[in-house]
Protein backbone atom coordinates (compact mmCIF):
# COMPACT_ATOMS: atom_id res chain seq x y z
CA MET A 1 71.83 108.17 -104.23
CA ARG A 2 70.10 104.97 -105.34
CA TYR A 3 67.66 103.14 -103.07
CA PHE A 4 66.58 99.52 -102.87
CA GLU A 5 63.76 97.51 -101.37
CA VAL A 6 65.01 94.57 -99.29
CA LYS A 7 63.08 91.42 -100.14
CA SER A 8 63.14 87.75 -99.24
CA PRO A 9 64.13 85.55 -102.19
CA GLN A 10 61.74 83.37 -104.16
CA TRP A 11 60.72 80.27 -102.24
CA ASP A 12 62.51 77.97 -104.72
CA ALA A 13 65.76 79.97 -104.82
CA PRO A 14 68.84 78.08 -103.55
CA ALA A 15 69.75 79.11 -100.00
CA HIS A 16 73.22 80.02 -98.75
CA TRP A 17 72.29 79.82 -95.05
CA SER A 18 70.28 77.51 -92.78
CA GLY A 19 69.32 80.04 -90.11
CA ALA A 20 65.72 80.38 -88.98
CA TYR A 21 64.01 81.88 -85.95
CA ARG A 22 60.64 81.72 -84.22
CA ALA A 23 60.01 84.86 -82.22
CA SER A 24 57.48 87.56 -81.43
CA HIS A 25 57.67 91.09 -80.10
CA ARG A 26 57.02 91.87 -76.45
CA TRP A 27 54.04 94.15 -77.00
CA HIS A 28 51.22 94.45 -79.52
CA LEU A 29 48.62 97.15 -80.20
CA PRO A 30 45.47 95.40 -81.48
CA GLY A 31 43.46 96.52 -84.46
CA VAL A 32 40.15 98.32 -84.06
CA ASP A 33 36.47 98.02 -84.92
CA CYS A 34 35.99 101.60 -86.08
CA PRO A 35 32.42 102.94 -86.35
CA ARG A 36 33.34 104.72 -89.61
CA CYS A 37 35.85 102.58 -91.52
CA GLY A 38 35.13 99.14 -90.07
CA SER A 39 37.49 96.52 -88.65
CA TRP A 40 41.15 96.84 -89.57
CA ALA A 41 44.69 96.18 -88.42
CA GLY A 42 47.90 97.19 -90.16
CA MET A 43 51.48 96.05 -89.77
CA GLY A 44 54.55 97.65 -88.31
CA ALA A 45 57.32 96.71 -85.89
CA TYR A 46 59.23 99.14 -83.70
CA PRO A 47 61.63 97.09 -81.57
CA SER A 48 63.26 100.19 -80.09
CA VAL A 49 60.01 101.30 -78.42
CA ASP A 50 59.95 100.27 -74.75
CA LEU A 51 56.48 99.85 -73.25
CA SER A 52 57.68 98.32 -69.98
CA GLY A 53 56.49 101.42 -68.15
CA VAL A 54 52.91 100.96 -69.37
CA GLU A 55 51.01 98.83 -66.88
CA GLU A 56 48.53 97.24 -69.26
CA PRO A 57 48.52 93.42 -69.66
CA VAL A 58 46.44 93.59 -72.85
CA LEU A 59 49.47 94.95 -74.71
CA ALA A 60 51.45 91.79 -73.93
CA LYS A 61 48.97 89.62 -75.86
CA VAL A 62 48.41 89.22 -79.58
CA THR A 63 44.68 89.68 -80.11
CA GLY A 64 42.30 90.56 -82.91
CA PRO A 65 40.59 93.92 -83.42
CA THR A 66 39.05 95.39 -80.27
CA SER A 67 36.23 97.87 -79.65
CA PHE A 68 36.70 101.50 -80.60
CA ALA A 69 36.60 102.70 -76.98
CA GLU A 70 39.16 100.11 -75.85
CA TYR A 71 41.42 100.86 -78.80
CA MET A 72 41.43 104.58 -78.09
CA ARG A 73 42.22 103.87 -74.43
CA LEU A 74 45.24 101.78 -75.46
CA VAL A 75 46.36 104.43 -77.93
CA SER A 76 46.34 107.04 -75.14
CA LEU A 77 48.66 104.79 -73.11
CA VAL A 78 51.06 104.02 -75.96
CA ARG A 79 51.36 107.43 -77.65
CA PRO A 80 53.60 109.07 -75.00
CA CYS A 81 56.13 106.25 -75.46
CA LEU A 82 56.46 106.65 -79.23
CA PRO A 83 58.76 109.09 -81.03
CA SER A 84 56.87 111.59 -83.18
CA ALA A 85 58.19 109.89 -86.36
CA ILE A 86 56.23 106.72 -85.53
CA PRO A 87 52.51 106.89 -86.38
CA ILE A 88 49.93 105.13 -84.25
CA LYS A 89 48.64 102.19 -86.25
CA GLY A 90 46.56 99.28 -85.00
CA GLY A 91 48.29 95.93 -85.34
CA SER A 92 51.76 97.34 -84.64
CA PHE A 93 54.36 95.51 -82.56
CA PHE A 94 56.81 97.03 -80.08
CA GLY A 95 59.90 95.97 -78.16
CA PRO A 96 62.51 93.32 -78.99
CA MET A 97 61.62 89.95 -80.47
CA VAL A 98 61.80 87.05 -78.04
CA GLY A 99 62.04 83.40 -79.08
CA THR A 100 64.38 80.73 -80.42
CA ALA A 101 66.88 80.43 -83.28
CA ARG A 102 68.61 77.57 -85.07
CA GLY A 103 71.11 77.13 -87.87
CA LYS A 104 73.64 79.54 -89.34
CA PHE A 105 72.66 83.07 -90.38
CA GLY A 106 73.94 85.27 -93.15
CA PRO A 107 74.82 88.94 -92.65
CA ILE A 108 71.23 89.95 -93.44
CA THR A 109 68.00 87.97 -93.38
CA CYS A 110 64.58 89.07 -94.62
CA TRP A 111 61.82 86.76 -93.44
CA PRO A 112 58.97 87.43 -93.44
CA SER A 113 59.09 90.31 -95.90
CA TRP A 114 58.48 93.00 -93.27
CA GLU A 115 61.26 91.87 -90.90
CA VAL A 116 64.93 92.55 -91.62
CA VAL A 117 67.44 90.87 -89.30
CA LEU A 118 71.16 91.60 -89.15
CA ARG A 119 74.02 89.52 -87.79
CA GLU A 120 76.06 91.26 -85.11
CA ASP A 121 79.12 91.79 -87.31
CA ALA A 122 76.87 93.39 -89.94
CA VAL A 123 75.60 95.91 -87.39
CA GLU A 124 79.14 96.67 -86.28
CA LEU A 125 80.32 97.20 -89.86
CA LEU A 126 77.41 99.49 -90.76
CA LYS A 127 78.14 101.63 -87.72
CA ALA A 128 81.90 101.61 -88.36
CA GLU A 129 81.22 102.91 -91.87
CA GLU A 130 79.07 105.64 -90.28
CA LEU A 131 75.85 104.85 -92.12
CA ASN A 132 72.90 106.90 -90.90
CA GLY A 133 69.53 105.79 -89.55
CA ILE A 134 70.68 102.37 -88.34
CA ILE A 135 68.34 101.41 -85.49
CA ALA A 136 69.24 97.80 -84.70
CA VAL A 137 67.73 96.15 -81.61
CA ARG A 138 69.15 92.92 -80.26
CA MET A 139 66.74 89.99 -80.43
CA GLU A 140 66.34 87.87 -77.30
CA LEU A 141 66.79 84.43 -78.83
CA LYS A 142 67.72 81.09 -77.31
CA SER A 143 69.75 78.63 -79.35
CA ARG A 144 71.27 75.20 -78.84
CA ARG A 145 74.44 76.45 -80.52
CA SER A 146 76.70 78.33 -78.13
CA THR A 147 78.47 79.88 -81.13
CA THR A 148 75.34 81.45 -82.66
CA PRO A 149 76.08 85.18 -83.11
CA ALA A 150 73.70 87.77 -81.73
CA LEU A 151 70.98 88.85 -84.14
CA TYR A 152 69.44 92.31 -84.41
CA GLU A 153 66.14 93.45 -85.87
CA LEU A 154 66.49 96.49 -88.12
CA GLU A 155 63.86 99.13 -87.42
CA SER A 156 62.58 101.11 -90.40
CA ARG A 157 60.39 104.09 -89.60
CA PRO A 158 57.86 105.14 -92.29
CA LEU A 159 59.49 108.41 -93.30
CA ALA A 160 59.20 108.28 -97.12
CA ARG A 161 56.30 107.82 -99.51
CA LEU A 162 55.63 106.04 -102.76
CA HIS A 163 54.88 108.36 -105.66
CA PRO A 164 51.11 109.04 -105.99
CA ASP A 165 51.24 108.16 -109.70
CA CYS A 166 52.25 104.56 -108.97
CA ILE A 167 49.54 104.08 -106.33
CA GLY A 168 46.77 105.19 -108.67
CA GLU A 169 43.19 104.48 -107.59
CA TRP A 170 44.03 101.62 -105.22
CA LYS A 171 44.16 103.75 -102.05
CA THR A 172 41.76 104.15 -99.14
CA PRO A 173 41.70 107.63 -97.57
CA PRO A 174 42.71 108.08 -93.93
CA CYS A 175 40.06 107.95 -91.20
CA ASP A 176 39.63 110.99 -88.94
CA VAL A 177 37.77 108.94 -86.33
CA CYS A 178 40.22 106.16 -85.40
CA GLY A 179 43.32 107.70 -86.96
CA ARG A 180 43.88 104.98 -89.55
CA PRO A 181 46.44 106.24 -92.08
CA GLU A 182 45.97 106.10 -95.83
CA MET A 183 46.13 102.48 -96.99
CA PHE A 184 46.61 100.92 -100.42
CA ASP A 185 47.55 97.71 -102.19
CA LEU A 186 51.26 97.61 -102.95
CA PRO A 187 51.54 98.27 -106.71
CA PRO A 188 53.69 95.81 -108.69
CA LYS A 189 55.58 98.70 -110.33
CA ARG A 190 56.57 101.31 -107.78
CA TRP A 191 58.86 104.28 -107.27
CA LEU A 192 59.59 106.84 -104.58
CA LEU A 193 58.38 110.40 -104.28
CA ARG A 194 61.72 112.20 -104.40
CA SER A 195 60.69 115.05 -102.10
CA SER A 196 59.73 112.58 -99.35
CA ILE A 197 63.08 110.76 -99.16
CA PRO A 198 64.73 111.57 -95.80
CA GLU A 199 68.02 113.27 -96.56
CA GLY A 200 71.13 111.40 -95.46
CA LEU A 201 69.41 108.28 -94.12
CA ASP A 202 70.53 104.84 -95.28
CA VAL A 203 67.49 102.97 -93.89
CA PHE A 204 63.84 103.98 -93.79
CA GLY A 205 60.33 102.67 -94.29
CA LEU A 206 57.39 103.77 -96.44
CA ALA A 207 54.16 105.32 -95.23
CA GLY A 208 51.26 102.95 -95.89
CA ALA A 209 53.47 100.10 -97.15
CA ASN A 210 55.66 97.38 -95.67
CA PRO A 211 58.87 97.38 -97.77
CA ARG A 212 62.10 98.31 -95.99
CA VAL A 213 64.24 100.67 -98.05
CA VAL A 214 68.04 100.86 -97.90
CA SER A 215 70.62 102.96 -99.71
CA GLU A 216 73.20 101.73 -102.18
CA ARG A 217 75.80 102.38 -99.47
CA PHE A 218 73.98 99.92 -97.20
CA VAL A 219 73.97 97.26 -99.94
CA GLU A 220 77.65 97.79 -100.76
CA VAL A 221 78.76 97.55 -97.12
CA LEU A 222 76.84 94.34 -96.39
CA GLN A 223 78.03 92.66 -99.57
CA ARG A 224 81.55 92.76 -98.12
CA LEU A 225 80.43 90.12 -95.60
CA GLY A 226 79.60 87.59 -98.27
CA PRO A 227 76.41 86.15 -99.73
CA ALA A 228 73.01 86.59 -98.09
CA ASP A 229 69.58 85.11 -98.71
CA VAL A 230 67.94 88.41 -99.69
CA THR A 231 67.33 90.29 -102.90
CA TYR A 232 67.48 94.01 -103.55
CA ARG A 233 64.97 95.64 -105.89
CA GLU A 234 65.81 99.17 -106.95
CA LEU A 235 63.22 101.85 -106.22
CA PRO A 236 63.74 104.80 -108.55
CA ALA A 237 62.66 108.28 -107.47
CA ALA A 238 60.63 110.89 -109.35
CA ASP A 239 59.26 114.38 -108.68
């Protein structure tokens, strides 16, 4: 099986579609001022995670890094709501995106680079073709066009890893105080660690990195719906 990183096109590339949205997720875990590793916040969006049962107004606001004690308190509230496959990482977003949309959307949109959005018919086709690992959460968007199709954010859990040889010396070790995972600059030339690829899944994320990875089956199915304003960069795998 071949795998590809979904990317937004170059800024000067001709566009097929006019669709754009302005939206944010319902809940946000702030970053942390850690006494050992300093102030940090990562990225990650898990729209399928419902925090409506957590009575904590701080999580409904987008704020900067908070104190270590406050961060650990928030982590203790959020952790029971997260599946074990989702790591706790400061700066992460949860719940569906809420906002507005305009224009016409292609079958798949990638903007910004860490958000992948699918048109409703694309979600239906992926499920009809029985692709695995499709977690698509409907976005709560208002639009002036009554004919605008529903849009879904594609969730990609960080289940695979880049190969250590492509990361090199650019990594920062994990912190055993605040729980920060290993972090590194995304190398320009990158490939997957074969043993870490989740068997049978057609969508997944990468530990410590933002790219969303999809299988060649995913690419082939969506291309049946016509052109899209995304690019696919192949990620080879090595032992």
